[in-house]
Structures are given as C-alpha cells and as structure tokens.
Amino acid sequence: MRTFGKVALAALFASSSLLVACDSNDGPVEKAGEKVDEAVESMSPEKGPMEEMGEDLDNAYDSAKDSAESMKDAAEQ
C-alpha cells in the first residue's frame, strides 16, 4: 500500500509540473479563435425560432387544459 501511495504522489508531482510548464501567452491563432468565438456569440439571438415555437405550444397547451377544466366544472354544476 505504501508503494501505491508513493507512485500516486510522484504522479501528482509530475502532472503538476506539466501544468506549470503551460504558459498563458496566447499566440495569434488562439487570439483569432477567441475573436471568432466572440463574434459568433454576439450574433446568435437569445431565443431561436424553435424555442419561441415551443413556448407558444406550451402556452396553447396550458390554455386548452384550463378551458377543459372550466368546461368540466361548468358541466358538473
């Protein structure tokens, strides 16, 4: 069990040293990719047409359900 712990600890140190080697300096391709991401995010609408249609269907279903309940209550009286 001690051997496994030592190996795990060594692996942890090795992986952390690899992460330290990564620098945060973005190259020109990384910067271009970020600009493309920002452009796509700014162009996409909050709600798409399919989402709006789904909300309209939900509202129509709720309205029909309420109407059916009202008719049932009226028929019982």
PDB file of N, CA and C in Angstrom:
ATOM      1  N   MET A   1       0.828  -1.189   0.000  1.00  0.00           N
ATOM      2  CA  MET A   1       0.000   0.000   0.000  1.00  0.00           C
ATOM      3  C   MET A   1       0.869   1.248   0.000  1.00  0.00           C
ATOM      4  N   ARG A   2       1.985   1.208   0.669  1.00  0.00           N
ATOM      5  CA  ARG A   2       2.877   2.362   0.706  1.00  0.00           C
ATOM      6  C   ARG A   2       3.464   2.636  -0.675  1.00  0.00           C
ATOM      7  N   THR A   3       3.715   1.592  -1.434  1.00  0.00           N
ATOM      8  CA  THR A   3       4.272   1.760  -2.763  1.00  0.00           C
ATOM      9  C   THR A   3       3.278   2.484  -3.657  1.00  0.00           C
ATOM     10  N   PHE A   4       1.999   2.110  -3.541  1.00  0.00           N
ATOM     11  CA  PHE A   4       0.966   2.764  -4.336  1.00  0.00           C
ATOM     12  C   PHE A   4       0.880   4.241  -3.987  1.00  0.00           C
ATOM     13  N   GLY A   5       0.984   4.570  -2.721  1.00  0.00           N
ATOM     14  CA  GLY A   5       0.938   5.962  -2.281  1.00  0.00           C
ATOM     15  C   GLY A   5       2.100   6.764  -2.839  1.00  0.00           C
ATOM     16  N   LYS A   6       3.279   6.172  -2.834  1.00  0.00           N
ATOM     17  CA  LYS A   6       4.449   6.860  -3.367  1.00  0.00           C
ATOM     18  C   LYS A   6       4.313   7.085  -4.864  1.00  0.00           C
ATOM     19  N   VAL A   7       3.803   6.077  -5.565  1.00  0.00           N
ATOM     20  CA  VAL A   7       3.612   6.211  -7.008  1.00  0.00           C
ATOM     21  C   VAL A   7       2.561   7.286  -7.301  1.00  0.00           C
ATOM     22  N   ALA A   8       1.488   7.290  -6.526  1.00  0.00           N
ATOM     23  CA  ALA A   8       0.445   8.294  -6.729  1.00  0.00           C
ATOM     24  C   ALA A   8       0.983   9.691  -6.460  1.00  0.00           C
ATOM     25  N   LEU A   9       1.789   9.834  -5.424  1.00  0.00           N
ATOM     26  CA  LEU A   9       2.377  11.125  -5.099  1.00  0.00           C
ATOM     27  C   LEU A   9       3.339  11.576  -6.196  1.00  0.00           C
ATOM     28  N   ALA A  10       4.124  10.671  -6.715  1.00  0.00           N
ATOM     29  CA  ALA A  10       5.038  11.001  -7.802  1.00  0.00           C
ATOM     30  C   ALA A  10       4.266  11.413  -9.050  1.00  0.00           C
ATOM     31  N   ALA A  11       3.184  10.723  -9.333  1.00  0.00           N
ATOM     32  CA  ALA A  11       2.366  11.074 -10.491  1.00  0.00           C
ATOM     33  C   ALA A  11       1.731  12.451 -10.310  1.00  0.00           C
ATOM     34  N   LEU A  12       1.319  12.764  -9.102  1.00  0.00           N
ATOM     35  CA  LEU A  12       0.733  14.066  -8.810  1.00  0.00           C
ATOM     36  C   LEU A  12       1.752  15.177  -9.039  1.00  0.00           C
ATOM     37  N   PHE A  13       2.961  14.997  -8.541  1.00  0.00           N
ATOM     38  CA  PHE A  13       4.001  15.995  -8.746  1.00  0.00           C
ATOM     39  C   PHE A  13       4.359  16.137 -10.221  1.00  0.00           C
ATOM     40  N   ALA A  14       4.415  15.030 -10.931  1.00  0.00           N
ATOM     41  CA  ALA A  14       4.760  15.083 -12.357  1.00  0.00           C
ATOM     42  C   ALA A  14       3.694  15.829 -13.140  1.00  0.00           C
ATOM     43  N   SER A  15       2.432  15.550 -12.839  1.00  0.00           N
ATOM     44  CA  SER A  15       1.355  16.219 -13.579  1.00  0.00           C
ATOM     45  C   SER A  15       1.286  17.694 -13.222  1.00  0.00           C
ATOM     46  N   SER A  16       1.556  18.045 -11.974  1.00  0.00           N
ATOM     47  CA  SER A  16       1.522  19.462 -11.608  1.00  0.00           C
ATOM     48  C   SER A  16       2.679  20.220 -12.250  1.00  0.00           C
ATOM     49  N   SER A  17       3.822  19.563 -12.415  1.00  0.00           N
ATOM     50  CA  SER A  17       4.938  20.247 -13.068  1.00  0.00           C
ATOM     51  C   SER A  17       4.640  20.461 -14.554  1.00  0.00           C
ATOM     52  N   LEU A  18       3.886  19.566 -15.163  1.00  0.00           N
ATOM     53  CA  LEU A  18       3.500  19.768 -16.557  1.00  0.00           C
ATOM     54  C   LEU A  18       2.548  20.949 -16.700  1.00  0.00           C
ATOM     55  N   LEU A  19       1.665  21.120 -15.723  1.00  0.00           N
ATOM     56  CA  LEU A  19       0.739  22.247 -15.778  1.00  0.00           C
ATOM     57  C   LEU A  19       1.461  23.577 -15.588  1.00  0.00           C
ATOM     58  N   VAL A  20       2.498  23.570 -14.775  1.00  0.00           N
ATOM     59  CA  VAL A  20       3.270  24.790 -14.563  1.00  0.00           C
ATOM     60  C   VAL A  20       3.999  25.176 -15.844  1.00  0.00           C
ATOM     61  N   ALA A  21       4.358  24.195 -16.640  1.00  0.00           N
ATOM     62  CA  ALA A  21       5.086  24.472 -17.869  1.00  0.00           C
ATOM     63  C   ALA A  21       4.208  25.173 -18.905  1.00  0.00           C
ATOM     64  N   CYS A  22       2.894  25.047 -18.792  1.00  0.00           N
ATOM     65  CA  CYS A  22       1.992  25.724 -19.732  1.00  0.00           C
ATOM     66  C   CYS A  22       1.996  27.208 -19.426  1.00  0.00           C
ATOM     67  N   ASP A  23       2.211  28.011 -20.426  1.00  0.00           N
ATOM     68  CA  ASP A  23       2.186  29.446 -20.208  1.00  0.00           C
ATOM     69  C   ASP A  23       0.856  30.019 -20.660  1.00  0.00           C
ATOM     70  N   SER A  24       0.585  31.224 -20.218  1.00  0.00           N
ATOM     71  CA  SER A  24      -0.690  31.851 -20.557  1.00  0.00           C
ATOM     72  C   SER A  24      -0.563  32.780 -21.745  1.00  0.00           C
ATOM     73  N   ASN A  25       0.593  32.829 -22.389  1.00  0.00           N
ATOM     74  CA  ASN A  25       0.766  33.679 -23.565  1.00  0.00           C
ATOM     75  C   ASN A  25       0.023  33.066 -24.744  1.00  0.00           C
ATOM     76  N   ASP A  26      -0.995  33.772 -25.198  1.00  0.00           N
ATOM     77  CA  ASP A  26      -1.775  33.278 -26.325  1.00  0.00           C
ATOM     78  C   ASP A  26      -1.099  33.674 -27.629  1.00  0.00           C
ATOM     79  N   GLY A  27      -1.019  32.730 -28.522  1.00  0.00           N
ATOM     80  CA  GLY A  27      -0.447  33.002 -29.832  1.00  0.00           C
ATOM     81  C   GLY A  27      -1.467  33.645 -30.744  1.00  0.00           C
ATOM     82  N   PRO A  28      -1.094  33.963 -31.966  1.00  0.00           N
ATOM     83  CA  PRO A  28      -2.010  34.628 -32.892  1.00  0.00           C
ATOM     84  C   PRO A  28      -3.205  33.764 -33.273  1.00  0.00           C
ATOM     85  N   VAL A  29      -3.005  32.453 -33.341  1.00  0.00           N
ATOM     86  CA  VAL A  29      -4.129  31.573 -33.688  1.00  0.00           C
ATOM     87  C   VAL A  29      -5.133  31.522 -32.540  1.00  0.00           C
ATOM     88  N   GLU A  30      -4.642  31.468 -31.321  1.00  0.00           N
ATOM     89  CA  GLU A  30      -5.525  31.464 -30.151  1.00  0.00           C
ATOM     90  C   GLU A  30      -6.330  32.759 -30.085  1.00  0.00           C
ATOM     91  N   LYS A  31      -5.664  33.889 -30.329  1.00  0.00           N
ATOM     92  CA  LYS A  31      -6.364  35.179 -30.303  1.00  0.00           C
ATOM     93  C   LYS A  31      -7.403  35.269 -31.410  1.00  0.00           C
ATOM     94  N   ALA A  32      -7.085  34.742 -32.581  1.00  0.00           N
ATOM     95  CA  ALA A  32      -8.052  34.747 -33.683  1.00  0.00           C
ATOM     96  C   ALA A  32      -9.254  33.873 -33.346  1.00  0.00           C
ATOM     97  N   GLY A  33      -8.995  32.734 -32.731  1.00  0.00           N
ATOM     98  CA  GLY A  33     -10.087  31.850 -32.326  1.00  0.00           C
ATOM     99  C   GLY A  33     -10.997  32.504 -31.302  1.00  0.00           C
ATOM    100  N   GLU A  34     -10.410  33.243 -30.367  1.00  0.00           N
ATOM    101  CA  GLU A  34     -11.222  33.946 -29.374  1.00  0.00           C
ATOM    102  C   GLU A  34     -12.077  35.018 -30.029  1.00  0.00           C
ATOM    103  N   LYS A  35     -11.524  35.711 -31.031  1.00  0.00           N
ATOM    104  CA  LYS A  35     -12.307  36.732 -31.736  1.00  0.00           C
ATOM    105  C   LYS A  35     -13.468  36.104 -32.495  1.00  0.00           C
ATOM    106  N   VAL A  36     -13.234  34.941 -33.093  1.00  0.00           N
ATOM    107  CA  VAL A  36     -14.311  34.242 -33.801  1.00  0.00           C
ATOM    108  C   VAL A  36     -15.385  33.819 -32.804  1.00  0.00           C
ATOM    109  N   ASP A  37     -14.983  33.298 -31.648  1.00  0.00           N
ATOM    110  CA  ASP A  37     -15.951  32.901 -30.627  1.00  0.00           C
ATOM    111  C   ASP A  37     -16.797  34.086 -30.184  1.00  0.00           C
ATOM    112  N   GLU A  38     -16.160  35.219 -29.947  1.00  0.00           N
ATOM    113  CA  GLU A  38     -16.895  36.411 -29.528  1.00  0.00           C
ATOM    114  C   GLU A  38     -17.868  36.875 -30.609  1.00  0.00           C
ATOM    115  N   ALA A  39     -17.449  36.808 -31.866  1.00  0.00           N
ATOM    116  CA  ALA A  39     -18.317  37.238 -32.962  1.00  0.00           C
ATOM    117  C   ALA A  39     -19.539  36.333 -33.075  1.00  0.00           C
ATOM    118  N   VAL A  40     -19.332  35.036 -32.947  1.00  0.00           N
ATOM    119  CA  VAL A  40     -20.456  34.100 -33.040  1.00  0.00           C
ATOM    120  C   VAL A  40     -21.412  34.297 -31.876  1.00  0.00           C
ATOM    121  N   GLU A  41     -20.877  34.502 -30.681  1.00  0.00           N
ATOM    122  CA  GLU A  41     -21.736  34.708 -29.516  1.00  0.00           C
ATOM    123  C   GLU A  41     -22.539  35.996 -29.635  1.00  0.00           C
ATOM    124  N   SER A  42     -21.960  37.042 -30.211  1.00  0.00           N
ATOM    125  CA  SER A  42     -22.689  38.299 -30.342  1.00  0.00           C
ATOM    126  C   SER A  42     -23.749  38.233 -31.433  1.00  0.00           C
ATOM    127  N   MET A  43     -23.588  37.341 -32.406  1.00  0.00           N
ATOM    128  CA  MET A  43     -24.551  37.233 -33.499  1.00  0.00           C
ATOM    129  C   MET A  43     -25.737  36.352 -33.143  1.00  0.00           C
ATOM    130  N   SER A  44     -25.552  35.371 -32.283  1.00  0.00           N
ATOM    131  CA  SER A  44     -26.628  34.422 -32.003  1.00  0.00           C
ATOM    132  C   SER A  44     -27.681  35.077 -31.115  1.00  0.00           C
ATOM    133  N   PRO A  45     -28.955  34.926 -31.458  1.00  0.00           N
ATOM    134  CA  PRO A  45     -30.020  35.532 -30.669  1.00  0.00           C
ATOM    135  C   PRO A  45     -30.204  34.801 -29.341  1.00  0.00           C
ATOM    136  N   GLU A  46     -30.861  35.476 -28.424  1.00  0.00           N
ATOM    137  CA  GLU A  46     -31.133  34.874 -27.122  1.00  0.00           C
ATOM    138  C   GLU A  46     -32.019  33.630 -27.280  1.00  0.00           C
ATOM    139  N   LYS A  47     -33.096  33.800 -28.037  1.00  0.00           N
ATOM    140  CA  LYS A  47     -34.020  32.692 -28.265  1.00  0.00           C
ATOM    141  C   LYS A  47     -34.128  32.456 -29.757  1.00  0.00           C
ATOM    142  N   GLY A  48     -34.044  31.222 -30.127  1.00  0.00           N
ATOM    143  CA  GLY A  48     -34.202  30.873 -31.522  1.00  0.00           C
ATOM    144  C   GLY A  48     -35.660  30.677 -31.860  1.00  0.00           C
ATOM    145  N   PRO A  49     -35.977  30.532 -33.134  1.00  0.00           N
ATOM    146  CA  PRO A  49     -37.369  30.367 -33.540  1.00  0.00           C
ATOM    147  C   PRO A  49     -37.990  29.079 -33.006  1.00  0.00           C
ATOM    148  N   MET A  50     -37.192  28.031 -32.887  1.00  0.00           N
ATOM    149  CA  MET A  50     -37.737  26.772 -32.375  1.00  0.00           C
ATOM    150  C   MET A  50     -38.084  26.897 -30.899  1.00  0.00           C
ATOM    151  N   GLU A  51     -37.276  27.634 -30.151  1.00  0.00           N
ATOM    152  CA  GLU A  51     -37.570  27.822 -28.734  1.00  0.00           C
ATOM    153  C   GLU A  51     -38.834  28.651 -28.550  1.00  0.00           C
ATOM    154  N   GLU A  52     -38.990  29.690 -29.374  1.00  0.00           N
ATOM    155  CA  GLU A  52     -40.198  30.506 -29.306  1.00  0.00           C
ATOM    156  C   GLU A  52     -41.433  29.685 -29.673  1.00  0.00           C
ATOM    157  N   MET A  53     -41.313  28.834 -30.686  1.00  0.00           N
ATOM    158  CA  MET A  53     -42.431  27.993 -31.080  1.00  0.00           C
ATOM    159  C   MET A  53     -42.781  27.022 -29.953  1.00  0.00           C
ATOM    160  N   GLY A  54     -41.773  26.467 -29.291  1.00  0.00           N
ATOM    161  CA  GLY A  54     -42.021  25.563 -28.175  1.00  0.00           C
ATOM    162  C   GLY A  54     -42.743  26.256 -27.034  1.00  0.00           C
ATOM    163  N   GLU A  55     -42.363  27.499 -26.750  1.00  0.00           N
ATOM    164  CA  GLU A  55     -43.050  28.250 -25.705  1.00  0.00           C
ATOM    165  C   GLU A  55     -44.493  28.537 -26.094  1.00  0.00           C
ATOM    166  N   ASP A  56     -44.714  28.851 -27.376  1.00  0.00           N
ATOM    167  CA  ASP A  56     -46.090  29.080 -27.845  1.00  0.00           C
ATOM    168  C   ASP A  56     -46.926  27.813 -27.706  1.00  0.00           C
ATOM    169  N   LEU A  57     -46.346  26.669 -28.022  1.00  0.00           N
ATOM    170  CA  LEU A  57     -47.066  25.399 -27.872  1.00  0.00           C
ATOM    171  C   LEU A  57     -47.376  25.111 -26.407  1.00  0.00           C
ATOM    172  N   ASP A  58     -46.425  25.398 -25.525  1.00  0.00           N
ATOM    173  CA  ASP A  58     -46.662  25.215 -24.093  1.00  0.00           C
ATOM    174  C   ASP A  58     -47.810  26.095 -23.620  1.00  0.00           C
ATOM    175  N   ASN A  59     -47.821  27.345 -24.075  1.00  0.00           N
ATOM    176  CA  ASN A  59     -48.893  28.267 -23.682  1.00  0.00           C
ATOM    177  C   ASN A  59     -50.238  27.803 -24.223  1.00  0.00           C
ATOM    178  N   ALA A  60     -50.265  27.314 -25.461  1.00  0.00           N
ATOM    179  CA  ALA A  60     -51.517  26.825 -26.046  1.00  0.00           C
ATOM    180  C   ALA A  60     -52.021  25.603 -25.285  1.00  0.00           C
ATOM    181  N   TYR A  61     -51.114  24.715 -24.897  1.00  0.00           N
ATOM    182  CA  TYR A  61     -51.496  23.525 -24.131  1.00  0.00           C
ATOM    183  C   TYR A  61     -52.084  23.930 -22.787  1.00  0.00           C
ATOM    184  N   ASP A  62     -51.420  24.856 -22.108  1.00  0.00           N
ATOM    185  CA  ASP A  62     -51.918  25.300 -20.802  1.00  0.00           C
ATOM    186  C   ASP A  62     -53.285  25.951 -20.936  1.00  0.00           C
ATOM    187  N   SER A  63     -53.478  26.741 -21.984  1.00  0.00           N
ATOM    188  CA  SER A  63     -54.760  27.395 -22.208  1.00  0.00           C
ATOM    189  C   SER A  63     -55.858  26.373 -22.487  1.00  0.00           C
ATOM    190  N   ALA A  64     -55.563  25.376 -23.302  1.00  0.00           N
ATOM    191  CA  ALA A  64     -56.550  24.341 -23.612  1.00  0.00           C
ATOM    192  C   ALA A  64     -56.882  23.526 -22.363  1.00  0.00           C
ATOM    193  N   LYS A  65     -55.887  23.253 -21.553  1.00  0.00           N
ATOM    194  CA  LYS A  65     -56.111  22.499 -20.316  1.00  0.00           C
ATOM    195  C   LYS A  65     -57.000  23.293 -19.361  1.00  0.00           C
ATOM    196  N   ASP A  66     -56.737  24.587 -19.233  1.00  0.00           N
ATOM    197  CA  ASP A  66     -57.567  25.437 -18.369  1.00  0.00           C
ATOM    198  C   ASP A  66     -59.001  25.499 -18.887  1.00  0.00           C
ATOM    199  N   SER A  67     -59.164  25.595 -20.204  1.00  0.00           N
ATOM    200  CA  SER A  67     -60.507  25.642 -20.783  1.00  0.00           C
ATOM    201  C   SER A  67     -61.250  24.339 -20.539  1.00  0.00           C
ATOM    202  N   ALA A  68     -60.579  23.220 -20.670  1.00  0.00           N
ATOM    203  CA  ALA A  68     -61.210  21.925 -20.435  1.00  0.00           C
ATOM    204  C   ALA A  68     -61.631  21.781 -18.983  1.00  0.00           C
ATOM    205  N   GLU A  69     -60.807  22.250 -18.069  1.00  0.00           N
ATOM    206  CA  GLU A  69     -61.168  22.183 -16.651  1.00  0.00           C
ATOM    207  C   GLU A  69     -62.359  23.077 -16.353  1.00  0.00           C
ATOM    208  N   SER A  70     -62.399  24.257 -16.977  1.00  0.00           N
ATOM    209  CA  SER A  70     -63.528  25.164 -16.783  1.00  0.00           C
ATOM    210  C   SER A  70     -64.815  24.547 -17.313  1.00  0.00           C
ATOM    211  N   MET A  71     -64.738  23.910 -18.481  1.00  0.00           N
ATOM    212  CA  MET A  71     -65.925  23.265 -19.048  1.00  0.00           C
ATOM    213  C   MET A  71     -66.373  22.101 -18.179  1.00  0.00           C
ATOM    214  N   LYS A  72     -65.436  21.352 -17.620  1.00  0.00           N
ATOM    215  CA  LYS A  72     -65.781  20.223 -16.745  1.00  0.00           C
ATOM    216  C   LYS A  72     -66.470  20.741 -15.486  1.00  0.00           C
ATOM    217  N   ASP A  73     -65.932  21.800 -14.916  1.00  0.00           N
ATOM    218  CA  ASP A  73     -66.543  22.382 -13.701  1.00  0.00           C
ATOM    219  C   ASP A  73     -67.945  22.909 -14.001  1.00  0.00           C
ATOM    220  N   ALA A  74     -68.123  23.526 -15.155  1.00  0.00           N
ATOM    221  CA  ALA A  74     -69.442  24.064 -15.527  1.00  0.00           C
ATOM    222  C   ALA A  74     -70.440  22.941 -15.747  1.00  0.00           C
ATOM    223  N   ALA A  75     -69.981  21.835 -16.307  1.00  0.00           N
ATOM    224  CA  ALA A  75     -70.880  20.698 -16.563  1.00  0.00           C
ATOM    225  C   ALA A  75     -71.289  20.008 -15.280  1.00  0.00           C
ATOM    226  N   GLU A  76     -70.458  20.016 -14.284  1.00  0.00           N
ATOM    227  CA  GLU A  76     -70.771  19.360 -13.007  1.00  0.00           C
ATOM    228  C   GLU A  76     -71.769  20.151 -12.198  1.00  0.00           C
ATOM    229  N   GLN A  77     -71.929  21.433 -12.444  1.00  0.00           N
ATOM    230  CA  GLN A  77     -72.853  22.262 -11.650  1.00  0.00           C
ATOM    231  C   GLN A  77     -74.216  22.167 -12.156  1.00  0.00           C
TER     232      GLN A  77
END
